[in-house]
Amino acid sequence: MAKILVTHINPHLDDIAAIWLFKKFSPDWKNAKTRFISAEQGHSGLEDDENTLHIGVGRGKYDEHKGDVGESAMSLVWKDIKEKGLGPKDEFEEKALDEMTRWNTLIDTASLPIGEFDEYMVDGFIRSRKNDPVDSLKTIELGTEILERILPNIIKKQKGLVDWEKRIEFKSRWGKSVAVESDFVSQEFAYKDGYQVIIIKGPTRKFIGIFAPGTSDVDLTPVYLKITEIDPESGWYIHHAKKMILCGSSSAPNVKRSNLTLQQVIDVVKNA
């Protein structure tokens, strides 16, 4: 008999994420179909069985509305997956899913700080508000694809946190600055800690980036002039906002790489 996961029509992001996790890590449910009901149908409780599970409705194991304060459908499913030993073996993927679950649960429990651009958040645009099963299935499919694309970014972040511990701090004319050799660190690591300039050199593809916060008054032109003077053959590029200098990137992977060491790039920034 076919497996069926039941949730409410026009599902929320936590319901979508719970279904995504369940199908991803529960082998018997990988090809389960999704069925939609009106939320009020489950107010008095609905029975699960070996072929049918209710997600975010029905007052059962995976429905936080039965009184699980501070939980979401996603957090209930994720806890169960980990308790059963069905989660990923990779520690960075597990940490990434821990973080994604915290993020989604904060959204679902209205605990995430209100921001200026909330309408651009996944939970804001994922629901079309069309209350029909066909559109709800499209929402599940779109949400699944979005979550699959978010996961690698959060895995990258978790790996970056390890590399970030090996950062090199220094002073430049713009103040507190930092450099790190990593394929996983992004400039946001530095901005939240108040660094005015960050240098990132990727050990694998040998890309080098020098960045400043977009809201700062930093102008990296002196760095660009100095680095192209000492390394004229490499493919250095300065963005028109003057807050980003690159030598190679995922958008320009074929430029000639620089052979400058991380310390040499630090010296350029320090002396620019």
C-alpha atoms as a PDB file:
ATOM      1  CA  MET A   1       0.000   0.000   0.000  1.00  0.00           C
ATOM      2  CA  ALA A   2       1.237   3.500  -0.852  1.00  0.00           C
ATOM      3  CA  LYS A   3       2.560   5.653   1.976  1.00  0.00           C
ATOM      4  CA  ILE A   4       0.738   8.951   2.527  1.00  0.00           C
ATOM      5  CA  LEU A   5       1.840  12.061   4.407  1.00  0.00           C
ATOM      6  CA  VAL A   6      -1.080  14.297   5.314  1.00  0.00           C
ATOM      7  CA  THR A   7      -0.821  18.011   6.048  1.00  0.00           C
ATOM      8  CA  HIS A   8      -3.127  20.991   5.855  1.00  0.00           C
ATOM      9  CA  ILE A   9      -3.966  22.692   2.604  1.00  0.00           C
ATOM     10  CA  ASN A  10      -1.822  25.764   1.808  1.00  0.00           C
ATOM     11  CA  PRO A  11       0.981  24.392   4.039  1.00  0.00           C
ATOM     12  CA  HIS A  12       3.351  26.499   6.124  1.00  0.00           C
ATOM     13  CA  LEU A  13       7.129  26.354   5.727  1.00  0.00           C
ATOM     14  CA  ASP A  14       7.537  24.149   8.813  1.00  0.00           C
ATOM     15  CA  ASP A  15       5.081  21.594   7.383  1.00  0.00           C
ATOM     16  CA  ILE A  16       6.949  21.624   4.062  1.00  0.00           C
ATOM     17  CA  ALA A  17      10.291  21.232   5.835  1.00  0.00           C
ATOM     18  CA  ALA A  18       8.939  18.424   8.032  1.00  0.00           C
ATOM     19  CA  ILE A  19       7.775  16.490   4.958  1.00  0.00           C
ATOM     20  CA  TRP A  20      11.121  17.180   3.259  1.00  0.00           C
ATOM     21  CA  LEU A  21      13.046  15.808   6.254  1.00  0.00           C
ATOM     22  CA  PHE A  22      10.776  12.819   6.683  1.00  0.00           C
ATOM     23  CA  LYS A  23      11.117  11.742   3.048  1.00  0.00           C
ATOM     24  CA  LYS A  24      14.849  12.505   3.026  1.00  0.00           C
ATOM     25  CA  PHE A  25      15.759  10.377   6.058  1.00  0.00           C
ATOM     26  CA  SER A  26      13.006   7.778   6.392  1.00  0.00           C
ATOM     27  CA  PRO A  27      13.746   5.185   3.678  1.00  0.00           C
ATOM     28  CA  ASP A  28      10.269   3.620   3.709  1.00  0.00           C
ATOM     29  CA  TRP A  29       8.675   7.030   3.106  1.00  0.00           C
ATOM     30  CA  LYS A  30      10.994   8.318   0.376  1.00  0.00           C
ATOM     31  CA  ASN A  31       8.291   8.027  -2.306  1.00  0.00           C
ATOM     32  CA  ALA A  32       5.315   8.844  -0.089  1.00  0.00           C
ATOM     33  CA  LYS A  33       2.439  10.796  -1.608  1.00  0.00           C
ATOM     34  CA  THR A  34       1.188  14.007  -0.003  1.00  0.00           C
ATOM     35  CA  ARG A  35      -2.472  14.556   0.768  1.00  0.00           C
ATOM     36  CA  PHE A  36      -4.069  17.795   1.938  1.00  0.00           C
ATOM     37  CA  ILE A  37      -6.943  18.410   4.314  1.00  0.00           C
ATOM     38  CA  SER A  38      -8.475  21.511   5.845  1.00  0.00           C
ATOM     39  CA  ALA A  39      -6.740  22.277   9.154  1.00  0.00           C
ATOM     40  CA  GLU A  40      -9.930  22.151  11.225  1.00  0.00           C
ATOM     41  CA  GLN A  41     -10.465  18.516  10.259  1.00  0.00           C
ATOM     42  CA  GLY A  42      -7.658  17.583  12.603  1.00  0.00           C
ATOM     43  CA  HIS A  43      -8.652  19.672  15.616  1.00  0.00           C
ATOM     44  CA  SER A  44     -10.181  16.697  17.406  1.00  0.00           C
ATOM     45  CA  GLY A  45      -7.363  14.331  16.427  1.00  0.00           C
ATOM     46  CA  LEU A  46      -6.634  11.976  13.547  1.00  0.00           C
ATOM     47  CA  GLU A  47      -5.119   8.507  13.715  1.00  0.00           C
ATOM     48  CA  ASP A  48      -1.736   7.638  12.218  1.00  0.00           C
ATOM     49  CA  ASP A  49      -0.951   4.134  11.036  1.00  0.00           C
ATOM     50  CA  GLU A  50       1.880   2.318   9.269  1.00  0.00           C
ATOM     51  CA  ASN A  51       0.929   3.844   5.913  1.00  0.00           C
ATOM     52  CA  THR A  52      -0.466   7.255   6.888  1.00  0.00           C
ATOM     53  CA  LEU A  53       1.177   9.999   8.954  1.00  0.00           C
ATOM     54  CA  HIS A  54      -0.154  13.464   9.725  1.00  0.00           C
ATOM     55  CA  ILE A  55       2.293  16.393   9.641  1.00  0.00           C
ATOM     56  CA  GLY A  56       1.299  19.643  11.336  1.00  0.00           C
ATOM     57  CA  VAL A  57      -2.317  18.468  11.686  1.00  0.00           C
ATOM     58  CA  GLY A  58      -4.211  15.762  13.524  1.00  0.00           C
ATOM     59  CA  ARG A  59      -2.835  16.383  17.051  1.00  0.00           C
ATOM     60  CA  GLY A  60      -0.480  13.436  16.657  1.00  0.00           C
ATOM     61  CA  LYS A  61       3.260  12.862  17.037  1.00  0.00           C
ATOM     62  CA  TYR A  62       4.260  15.409  14.397  1.00  0.00           C
ATOM     63  CA  ASP A  63       1.682  18.081  15.141  1.00  0.00           C
ATOM     64  CA  GLU A  64       2.916  20.785  17.502  1.00  0.00           C
ATOM     65  CA  HIS A  65      -0.626  22.112  17.962  1.00  0.00           C
ATOM     66  CA  LYS A  66      -1.367  19.422  20.516  1.00  0.00           C
ATOM     67  CA  GLY A  67       0.481  21.542  23.078  1.00  0.00           C
ATOM     68  CA  ASP A  68       4.162  21.298  22.138  1.00  0.00           C
ATOM     69  CA  VAL A  69       5.083  24.879  23.058  1.00  0.00           C
ATOM     70  CA  GLY A  70       8.214  26.110  21.299  1.00  0.00           C
ATOM     71  CA  GLU A  71       8.125  23.288  18.756  1.00  0.00           C
ATOM     72  CA  SER A  72       7.218  23.116  15.074  1.00  0.00           C
ATOM     73  CA  ALA A  73       6.321  20.254  12.771  1.00  0.00           C
ATOM     74  CA  MET A  74       9.908  20.381  11.500  1.00  0.00           C
ATOM     75  CA  SER A  75      11.468  20.235  14.974  1.00  0.00           C
ATOM     76  CA  LEU A  76       9.275  17.294  15.983  1.00  0.00           C
ATOM     77  CA  VAL A  77      10.232  15.337  12.865  1.00  0.00           C
ATOM     78  CA  TRP A  78      13.936  16.232  13.189  1.00  0.00           C
ATOM     79  CA  LYS A  79      14.070  15.133  16.840  1.00  0.00           C
ATOM     80  CA  ASP A  80      12.483  11.820  15.936  1.00  0.00           C
ATOM     81  CA  ILE A  81      14.890  11.271  13.024  1.00  0.00           C
ATOM     82  CA  LYS A  82      17.875  11.837  15.296  1.00  0.00           C
ATOM     83  CA  GLU A  83      16.481   9.664  18.097  1.00  0.00           C
ATOM     84  CA  LYS A  84      16.055   6.811  15.623  1.00  0.00           C
ATOM     85  CA  GLY A  85      19.610   7.260  14.313  1.00  0.00           C
ATOM     86  CA  LEU A  86      18.382   8.011  10.797  1.00  0.00           C
ATOM     87  CA  GLY A  87      20.076  11.395  10.405  1.00  0.00           C
ATOM     88  CA  PRO A  88      23.129  12.197   8.270  1.00  0.00           C
ATOM     89  CA  LYS A  89      26.493  10.729   9.219  1.00  0.00           C
ATOM     90  CA  ASP A  90      28.281  13.929   8.277  1.00  0.00           C
ATOM     91  CA  GLU A  91      28.623  16.175  11.350  1.00  0.00           C
ATOM     92  CA  PHE A  92      28.454  19.389   9.318  1.00  0.00           C
ATOM     93  CA  GLU A  93      25.205  18.341   7.646  1.00  0.00           C
ATOM     94  CA  GLU A  94      23.715  17.470  11.029  1.00  0.00           C
ATOM     95  CA  LYS A  95      24.731  20.859  12.458  1.00  0.00           C
ATOM     96  CA  ALA A  96      23.309  22.549   9.358  1.00  0.00           C
ATOM     97  CA  LEU A  97      19.975  20.793   9.820  1.00  0.00           C
ATOM     98  CA  ASP A  98      20.006  21.720  13.511  1.00  0.00           C
ATOM     99  CA  GLU A  99      20.364  25.358  12.468  1.00  0.00           C
ATOM    100  CA  MET A 100      17.710  25.132   9.757  1.00  0.00           C
ATOM    101  CA  THR A 101      15.324  23.603  12.289  1.00  0.00           C
ATOM    102  CA  ARG A 102      15.984  26.422  14.786  1.00  0.00           C
ATOM    103  CA  TRP A 103      15.399  29.013  12.046  1.00  0.00           C
ATOM    104  CA  ASN A 104      12.168  27.417  10.868  1.00  0.00           C
ATOM    105  CA  THR A 105      10.850  26.929  14.404  1.00  0.00           C
ATOM    106  CA  LEU A 106      11.552  30.575  15.259  1.00  0.00           C
ATOM    107  CA  ILE A 107       9.527  31.549  12.190  1.00  0.00           C
ATOM    108  CA  ASP A 108       6.673  29.198  13.038  1.00  0.00           C
ATOM    109  CA  THR A 109       6.477  30.320  16.668  1.00  0.00           C
ATOM    110  CA  ALA A 110       6.647  34.029  15.718  1.00  0.00           C
ATOM    111  CA  SER A 111       9.929  34.327  17.641  1.00  0.00           C
ATOM    112  CA  LEU A 112      12.162  35.554  14.807  1.00  0.00           C
ATOM    113  CA  PRO A 113      12.996  39.274  15.080  1.00  0.00           C
ATOM    114  CA  ILE A 114      10.877  41.354  12.733  1.00  0.00           C
ATOM    115  CA  GLY A 115      12.941  42.706   9.851  1.00  0.00           C
ATOM    116  CA  GLU A 116      12.532  45.363   7.207  1.00  0.00           C
ATOM    117  CA  PHE A 117      12.299  42.861   4.344  1.00  0.00           C
ATOM    118  CA  ASP A 118      10.185  40.086   5.830  1.00  0.00           C
ATOM    119  CA  GLU A 119       8.209  39.824   2.594  1.00  0.00           C
ATOM    120  CA  TYR A 120      11.342  38.425   0.928  1.00  0.00           C
ATOM    121  CA  MET A 121      11.749  35.627   3.469  1.00  0.00           C
ATOM    122  CA  VAL A 122      11.029  32.089   2.281  1.00  0.00           C
ATOM    123  CA  ASP A 123       8.049  31.732   4.602  1.00  0.00           C
ATOM    124  CA  GLY A 124       6.626  34.984   3.222  1.00  0.00           C
ATOM    125  CA  PHE A 125       6.549  34.026  -0.447  1.00  0.00           C
ATOM    126  CA  ILE A 126       6.324  30.225  -0.355  1.00  0.00           C
ATOM    127  CA  ARG A 127       2.554  30.158   0.209  1.00  0.00           C
ATOM    128  CA  SER A 128       0.390  31.260  -2.700  1.00  0.00           C
ATOM    129  CA  ARG A 129      -2.711  31.445  -0.452  1.00  0.00           C
ATOM    130  CA  LYS A 130      -4.677  29.407  -2.993  1.00  0.00           C
ATOM    131  CA  ASN A 131      -6.585  26.838  -0.982  1.00  0.00           C
ATOM    132  CA  ASP A 132      -6.622  23.916  -3.368  1.00  0.00           C
ATOM    133  CA  PRO A 133      -4.686  20.614  -3.373  1.00  0.00           C
ATOM    134  CA  VAL A 134      -3.011  21.140  -6.760  1.00  0.00           C
ATOM    135  CA  ASP A 135      -1.513  24.450  -5.743  1.00  0.00           C
ATOM    136  CA  SER A 136      -0.592  23.096  -2.293  1.00  0.00           C
ATOM    137  CA  LEU A 137       1.365  20.284  -3.948  1.00  0.00           C
ATOM    138  CA  LYS A 138       3.220  22.865  -6.044  1.00  0.00           C
ATOM    139  CA  THR A 139       4.032  24.677  -2.796  1.00  0.00           C
ATOM    140  CA  ILE A 140       5.482  21.477  -1.318  1.00  0.00           C
ATOM    141  CA  GLU A 141       7.568  20.878  -4.467  1.00  0.00           C
ATOM    142  CA  LEU A 142       8.859  24.460  -4.582  1.00  0.00           C
ATOM    143  CA  GLY A 143       9.582  24.456  -0.852  1.00  0.00           C
ATOM    144  CA  THR A 144      11.482  21.175  -1.146  1.00  0.00           C
ATOM    145  CA  GLU A 145      13.682  22.572  -3.910  1.00  0.00           C
ATOM    146  CA  ILE A 146      14.369  25.744  -1.919  1.00  0.00           C
ATOM    147  CA  LEU A 147      15.297  23.771   1.213  1.00  0.00           C
ATOM    148  CA  GLU A 148      17.589  21.516  -0.822  1.00  0.00           C
ATOM    149  CA  ARG A 149      19.383  24.644  -2.039  1.00  0.00           C
ATOM    150  CA  ILE A 150      19.587  26.209   1.414  1.00  0.00           C
ATOM    151  CA  LEU A 151      21.098  23.098   3.013  1.00  0.00           C
ATOM    152  CA  PRO A 152      24.480  23.209   1.173  1.00  0.00           C
ATOM    153  CA  ASN A 153      24.871  26.876   2.154  1.00  0.00           C
ATOM    154  CA  ILE A 154      24.349  26.068   5.822  1.00  0.00           C
ATOM    155  CA  ILE A 155      26.729  23.096   5.605  1.00  0.00           C
ATOM    156  CA  LYS A 156      29.282  25.494   4.097  1.00  0.00           C
ATOM    157  CA  LYS A 157      28.692  27.893   6.982  1.00  0.00           C
ATOM    158  CA  GLN A 158      29.262  25.145   9.558  1.00  0.00           C
ATOM    159  CA  LYS A 159      32.555  24.216   7.899  1.00  0.00           C
ATOM    160  CA  GLY A 160      33.447  27.911   7.743  1.00  0.00           C
ATOM    161  CA  LEU A 161      33.026  28.250  11.495  1.00  0.00           C
ATOM    162  CA  VAL A 162      35.896  25.784  11.924  1.00  0.00           C
ATOM    163  CA  ASP A 163      38.166  27.719   9.527  1.00  0.00           C
ATOM    164  CA  TRP A 164      37.184  31.038  11.114  1.00  0.00           C
ATOM    165  CA  GLU A 165      38.952  29.993  14.311  1.00  0.00           C
ATOM    166  CA  LYS A 166      42.250  30.194  12.345  1.00  0.00           C
ATOM    167  CA  ARG A 167      41.739  33.779  11.137  1.00  0.00           C
ATOM    168  CA  ILE A 168      44.539  36.353  11.187  1.00  0.00           C
ATOM    169  CA  GLU A 169      43.618  39.760  12.626  1.00  0.00           C
ATOM    170  CA  PHE A 170      45.460  42.928  11.657  1.00  0.00           C
ATOM    171  CA  LYS A 171      45.062  46.703  11.413  1.00  0.00           C
ATOM    172  CA  SER A 172      44.602  48.603   8.174  1.00  0.00           C
ATOM    173  CA  ARG A 173      43.957  52.283   7.461  1.00  0.00           C
ATOM    174  CA  TRP A 174      40.238  51.470   7.793  1.00  0.00           C
ATOM    175  CA  GLY A 175      40.601  49.873  11.212  1.00  0.00           C
ATOM    176  CA  LYS A 176      39.993  46.322  12.411  1.00  0.00           C
ATOM    177  CA  SER A 177      40.729  43.869   9.576  1.00  0.00           C
ATOM    178  CA  VAL A 178      41.016  40.107   9.162  1.00  0.00           C
ATOM    179  CA  ALA A 179      42.273  37.447   6.763  1.00  0.00           C
ATOM    180  CA  VAL A 180      41.506  33.754   6.474  1.00  0.00           C
ATOM    181  CA  GLU A 181      42.343  30.864   4.182  1.00  0.00           C
ATOM    182  CA  SER A 182      39.138  28.935   3.583  1.00  0.00           C
ATOM    183  CA  ASP A 183      36.825  27.557   0.923  1.00  0.00           C
ATOM    184  CA  PHE A 184      33.858  28.049   3.240  1.00  0.00           C
ATOM    185  CA  VAL A 185      34.112  31.391   5.076  1.00  0.00           C
ATOM    186  CA  SER A 186      32.019  34.263   3.698  1.00  0.00           C
ATOM    187  CA  GLN A 187      32.465  37.960   4.375  1.00  0.00           C
ATOM    188  CA  GLU A 188      29.421  37.938   6.675  1.00  0.00           C
ATOM    189  CA  PHE A 189      31.570  36.145   9.271  1.00  0.00           C
ATOM    190  CA  ALA A 190      33.665  39.304   9.528  1.00  0.00           C
ATOM    191  CA  TYR A 191      30.981  41.949   9.197  1.00  0.00           C
ATOM    192  CA  LYS A 192      29.020  40.754  12.221  1.00  0.00           C
ATOM    193  CA  ASP A 193      32.202  41.033  14.307  1.00  0.00           C
ATOM    194  CA  GLY A 194      32.901  44.578  13.191  1.00  0.00           C
ATOM    195  CA  TYR A 195      35.814  44.009  10.799  1.00  0.00           C
ATOM    196  CA  GLN A 196      36.191  46.721   8.177  1.00  0.00           C
ATOM    197  CA  VAL A 197      38.220  44.690   5.678  1.00  0.00           C
ATOM    198  CA  ILE A 198      38.273  40.924   5.151  1.00  0.00           C
ATOM    199  CA  ILE A 199      40.616  38.926   2.925  1.00  0.00           C
ATOM    200  CA  ILE A 200      39.572  35.410   1.919  1.00  0.00           C
ATOM    201  CA  LYS A 201      41.836  33.063  -0.021  1.00  0.00           C
ATOM    202  CA  GLY A 202      40.368  29.752  -1.129  1.00  0.00           C
ATOM    203  CA  PRO A 203      42.933  26.934  -0.898  1.00  0.00           C
ATOM    204  CA  THR A 204      41.159  24.746  -3.464  1.00  0.00           C
ATOM    205  CA  ARG A 205      40.415  27.041  -6.398  1.00  0.00           C
ATOM    206  CA  LYS A 206      42.925  29.718  -5.349  1.00  0.00           C
ATOM    207  CA  PHE A 207      40.378  32.530  -5.634  1.00  0.00           C
ATOM    208  CA  ILE A 208      41.213  35.630  -3.583  1.00  0.00           C
ATOM    209  CA  GLY A 209      38.682  38.211  -2.415  1.00  0.00           C
ATOM    210  CA  ILE A 210      39.138  41.468  -0.499  1.00  0.00           C
ATOM    211  CA  PHE A 211      35.893  42.869   0.866  1.00  0.00           C
ATOM    212  CA  ALA A 212      34.478  45.763   2.884  1.00  0.00           C
ATOM    213  CA  PRO A 213      30.941  46.122   4.282  1.00  0.00           C
ATOM    214  CA  GLY A 214      28.521  47.694   1.852  1.00  0.00           C
ATOM    215  CA  THR A 215      27.361  50.173   4.493  1.00  0.00           C
ATOM    216  CA  SER A 216      30.892  51.347   5.294  1.00  0.00           C
ATOM    217  CA  ASP A 217      32.780  54.307   3.806  1.00  0.00           C
ATOM    218  CA  VAL A 218      35.722  52.099   2.858  1.00  0.00           C
ATOM    219  CA  ASP A 219      37.120  52.666  -0.655  1.00  0.00           C
ATOM    220  CA  LEU A 220      39.457  49.817  -1.651  1.00  0.00           C
ATOM    221  CA  THR A 221      40.906  51.636  -4.669  1.00  0.00           C
ATOM    222  CA  PRO A 222      44.340  52.125  -3.007  1.00  0.00           C
ATOM    223  CA  VAL A 223      44.520  48.365  -2.405  1.00  0.00           C
ATOM    224  CA  TYR A 224      43.614  47.641  -6.022  1.00  0.00           C
ATOM    225  CA  LEU A 225      46.259  50.043  -7.352  1.00  0.00           C
ATOM    226  CA  LYS A 226      48.942  48.539  -5.137  1.00  0.00           C
ATOM    227  CA  ILE A 227      48.075  44.878  -5.739  1.00  0.00           C
ATOM    228  CA  THR A 228      47.923  45.283  -9.522  1.00  0.00           C
ATOM    229  CA  GLU A 229      51.277  47.076  -9.385  1.00  0.00           C
ATOM    230  CA  ILE A 230      53.015  44.165  -7.670  1.00  0.00           C
ATOM    231  CA  ASP A 231      50.977  41.427  -9.394  1.00  0.00           C
ATOM    232  CA  PRO A 232      50.054  42.832 -12.825  1.00  0.00           C
ATOM    233  CA  GLU A 233      49.674  39.529 -14.670  1.00  0.00           C
ATOM    234  CA  SER A 234      46.859  38.150 -12.512  1.00  0.00           C
ATOM    235  CA  GLY A 235      43.156  38.773 -13.140  1.00  0.00           C
ATOM    236  CA  TRP A 236      42.434  41.335 -10.446  1.00  0.00           C
ATOM    237  CA  TYR A 237      39.069  43.104 -10.673  1.00  0.00           C
ATOM    238  CA  ILE A 238      37.608  45.898  -8.554  1.00  0.00           C
ATOM    239  CA  HIS A 239      33.829  46.212  -8.334  1.00  0.00           C
ATOM    240  CA  HIS A 240      32.421  49.628  -9.222  1.00  0.00           C
ATOM    241  CA  ALA A 241      31.278  50.160  -5.609  1.00  0.00           C
ATOM    242  CA  LYS A 242      34.967  50.014  -4.594  1.00  0.00           C
ATOM    243  CA  LYS A 243      34.226  47.612  -1.742  1.00  0.00           C
ATOM    244  CA  MET A 244      35.201  44.349  -3.419  1.00  0.00           C
ATOM    245  CA  ILE A 245      38.391  43.220  -5.163  1.00  0.00           C
ATOM    246  CA  LEU A 246      38.490  39.754  -6.724  1.00  0.00           C
ATOM    247  CA  CYS A 247      40.976  37.527  -8.424  1.00  0.00           C
ATOM    248  CA  GLY A 248      38.794  34.702  -9.676  1.00  0.00           C
ATOM    249  CA  SER A 249      35.278  33.790  -8.558  1.00  0.00           C
ATOM    250  CA  SER A 250      32.493  31.381  -9.396  1.00  0.00           C
ATOM    251  CA  SER A 251      31.296  33.973 -11.925  1.00  0.00           C
ATOM    252  CA  ALA A 252      34.753  34.367 -13.470  1.00  0.00           C
ATOM    253  CA  PRO A 253      36.489  31.019 -12.896  1.00  0.00           C
ATOM    254  CA  ASN A 254      38.893  31.246 -15.843  1.00  0.00           C
ATOM    255  CA  VAL A 255      40.900  34.349 -14.937  1.00  0.00           C
ATOM    256  CA  LYS A 256      44.587  33.938 -14.203  1.00  0.00           C
ATOM    257  CA  ARG A 257      45.031  33.126 -10.520  1.00  0.00           C
ATOM    258  CA  SER A 258      47.387  35.056  -8.296  1.00  0.00           C
ATOM    259  CA  ASN A 259      50.381  33.363  -6.669  1.00  0.00           C
ATOM    260  CA  LEU A 260      50.441  35.857  -3.812  1.00  0.00           C
ATOM    261  CA  THR A 261      50.347  34.249  -0.383  1.00  0.00           C
ATOM    262  CA  LEU A 262      47.749  35.249   2.172  1.00  0.00           C
ATOM    263  CA  GLN A 263      50.432  37.110   4.120  1.00  0.00           C
ATOM    264  CA  GLN A 264      51.482  39.032   1.012  1.00  0.00           C
ATOM    265  CA  VAL A 265      47.884  40.150   0.435  1.00  0.00           C
ATOM    266  CA  ILE A 266      47.658  41.171   4.103  1.00  0.00           C
ATOM    267  CA  ASP A 267      50.795  43.276   3.661  1.00  0.00           C
ATOM    268  CA  VAL A 268      49.272  44.995   0.618  1.00  0.00           C
ATOM    269  CA  VAL A 269      46.134  45.918   2.558  1.00  0.00           C
ATOM    270  CA  LYS A 270      48.140  47.048   5.594  1.00  0.00           C
ATOM    271  CA  ASN A 271      50.347  49.312   3.527  1.00  0.00           C
ATOM    272  CA  ALA A 272      47.838  50.609   0.962  1.00  0.00           C
END
